[in-house]
């Protein structure tokens, strides 16, 4: 990859961001993520972060991470992992990329789908049951 195409976040390269302490990282994140991290990590989020750190040591491909924590900010240590995030019905596998840094996990697991109604008489509601079929 050429030097011009390498990923940067607010003027910092990915290697520099990974080397930063949490306090330095918080300063460059957007306000909502900054506020969330300054208030501390919730008890529900702690096991996930521990699993992420363990997965990074072992190797990202061998560990499956499932979570309901949709309100966790994506940190540099999560980059490269695949995390299954609960959408309310099922777990959606999300591969964490550098561009996701500073966003919340829940932003990438959509909780609603487009409603597709049936045709009258076919796969439809009881009220349209008596419409003649084609």
Protein backbone atom coordinates (compact mmCIF):
# COMPACT_ATOMS: atom_id res chain seq x y z
CA UNK A 1 0.00 0.00 0.00
CA UNK A 2 1.32 3.42 -0.82
CA UNK A 3 1.88 6.02 1.87
CA UNK A 4 -1.05 8.14 0.64
CA UNK A 5 -3.56 5.29 0.97
CA UNK A 6 -2.77 4.22 4.54
CA UNK A 7 -5.52 4.59 7.13
CA UNK A 8 -5.42 7.67 9.34
CA UNK A 9 -7.79 8.80 12.06
CA UNK A 10 -7.68 12.51 12.84
CA UNK A 11 -4.14 12.75 11.51
CA UNK A 12 -2.81 9.67 13.36
CA UNK A 13 -1.80 6.39 11.72
CA UNK A 14 -3.22 3.13 13.05
CA UNK A 15 0.10 2.10 14.61
CA UNK A 16 0.24 5.40 16.54
CA UNK A 17 -3.35 4.97 17.74
CA UNK A 18 -2.71 1.41 18.96
CA UNK A 19 0.32 2.66 20.92
CA UNK A 20 -1.67 5.43 22.65
CA UNK A 21 -2.83 5.21 26.23
CA UNK A 22 -6.57 5.30 26.91
CA UNK A 23 -6.40 8.95 28.05
CA UNK A 24 -4.68 10.04 24.84
CA UNK A 25 -7.17 8.06 22.75
CA UNK A 26 -10.15 9.61 24.52
CA UNK A 27 -8.92 13.10 23.55
CA UNK A 28 -9.16 12.38 19.81
CA UNK A 29 -12.51 10.54 19.84
CA UNK A 30 -15.83 12.27 19.07
CA UNK A 31 -17.76 13.80 21.96
CA UNK A 32 -20.30 10.98 22.45
CA UNK A 33 -17.64 8.26 22.56
CA UNK A 34 -15.42 10.45 24.74
CA UNK A 35 -18.23 10.91 27.26
CA UNK A 36 -19.03 7.20 27.28
CA UNK A 37 -15.40 6.19 27.97
CA UNK A 38 -14.84 8.90 30.59
CA UNK A 39 -17.84 7.63 32.54
CA UNK A 40 -16.15 4.24 32.69
CA UNK A 41 -16.73 0.81 31.30
CA UNK A 42 -19.97 -0.80 32.48
CA UNK A 43 -19.91 -4.13 34.34
CA UNK A 44 -21.68 -5.80 31.39
CA UNK A 45 -18.91 -4.66 29.04
CA UNK A 46 -15.97 -5.84 31.15
CA UNK A 47 -16.21 -9.57 30.22
CA UNK A 48 -16.32 -8.69 26.52
CA UNK A 49 -13.20 -6.53 26.75
CA UNK A 50 -11.39 -9.31 28.61
CA UNK A 51 -12.41 -11.80 25.90
CA UNK A 52 -11.20 -9.39 23.21
CA UNK A 53 -7.80 -9.05 24.88
CA UNK A 54 -7.56 -12.83 25.24
CA UNK A 55 -8.56 -13.30 21.59
CA UNK A 56 -5.85 -10.88 20.43
CA UNK A 57 -3.23 -12.91 22.32
CA UNK A 58 -4.43 -16.30 21.03
CA UNK A 59 -5.24 -15.30 17.45
CA UNK A 60 -8.36 -13.63 16.10
CA UNK A 61 -9.57 -16.44 13.84
CA UNK A 62 -9.98 -19.13 16.52
CA UNK A 63 -12.20 -17.24 19.00
CA UNK A 64 -15.92 -16.55 18.53
CA UNK A 65 -17.11 -13.49 20.41
CA UNK A 66 -20.85 -13.07 21.01
CA UNK A 67 -22.25 -10.09 22.83
CA UNK A 68 -25.37 -8.14 23.69
CA UNK A 69 -23.26 -5.02 24.47
CA UNK A 70 -24.33 -2.71 21.67
CA UNK A 71 -23.25 0.43 23.56
CA UNK A 72 -19.52 -0.32 23.67
CA UNK A 73 -17.24 2.07 21.78
CA UNK A 74 -15.01 0.39 19.20
CA UNK A 75 -11.42 0.63 20.46
CA UNK A 76 -8.15 0.02 18.55
CA UNK A 77 -7.67 -3.38 20.23
CA UNK A 78 -10.88 -4.65 18.56
CA UNK A 79 -9.67 -3.99 15.01
CA UNK A 80 -9.37 -7.17 12.98
CA UNK A 81 -11.71 -9.27 15.12
CA UNK A 82 -15.11 -10.60 14.12
CA UNK A 83 -17.67 -9.92 16.83
CA UNK A 84 -21.20 -11.33 16.76
CA UNK A 85 -23.53 -8.57 17.96
CA UNK A 86 -27.10 -9.35 19.02
CA UNK A 87 -29.70 -7.52 16.93
CA UNK A 88 -32.67 -8.45 19.12
CA UNK A 89 -33.40 -11.63 17.20
CA UNK A 90 -30.08 -13.07 16.06
CA UNK A 91 -26.34 -12.51 16.23
CA UNK A 92 -24.94 -10.47 13.34
CA UNK A 93 -21.24 -11.11 12.58
CA UNK A 94 -19.37 -7.82 12.25
CA UNK A 95 -15.73 -7.63 11.15
CA UNK A 96 -14.23 -4.63 12.92
CA UNK A 97 -12.28 -2.39 10.54
CA UNK A 98 -10.16 0.70 11.28
CA UNK A 99 -12.86 2.99 9.82
CA UNK A 100 -15.22 1.90 12.64
CA UNK A 101 -12.98 3.37 15.35
CA UNK A 102 -14.93 5.60 17.75
CA UNK A 103 -18.36 4.28 16.72
CA UNK A 104 -20.58 2.03 18.84
CA UNK A 105 -20.95 -1.72 18.16
CA UNK A 106 -24.73 -1.42 17.86
CA UNK A 107 -24.47 0.88 14.86
CA UNK A 108 -23.43 -2.06 12.69
CA UNK A 109 -26.10 -4.60 13.75
CA UNK A 110 -29.39 -3.22 12.45
CA UNK A 111 -32.36 -4.04 14.68
CA UNK A 112 -35.18 -3.63 12.17
CA UNK A 113 -35.87 -4.86 8.67
CA UNK A 114 -37.85 -3.44 5.78
CA UNK A 115 -41.46 -4.61 5.95
CA UNK A 116 -42.49 -6.58 2.89
CA UNK A 117 -46.23 -7.15 2.67
CA UNK A 118 -47.77 -9.99 0.70
CA UNK A 119 -49.91 -9.67 -2.39
CA UNK A 120 -53.69 -9.61 -1.93
CA UNK A 121 -54.88 -13.20 -1.61
CA UNK A 122 -51.36 -14.66 -1.49
CA UNK A 123 -49.36 -14.72 1.76
CA UNK A 124 -51.48 -11.85 3.00
CA UNK A 125 -53.63 -11.02 6.01
CA UNK A 126 -57.02 -12.53 6.84
CA UNK A 127 -58.86 -9.46 5.53
CA UNK A 128 -57.66 -9.98 1.96
CA UNK A 129 -58.30 -13.72 2.00
CA UNK A 130 -61.35 -13.52 -0.27
CA UNK A 131 -59.74 -11.57 -3.11
CA UNK A 132 -59.91 -13.81 -6.19
CA UNK A 133 -56.62 -15.39 -7.20
CA UNK A 134 -55.10 -14.62 -10.61
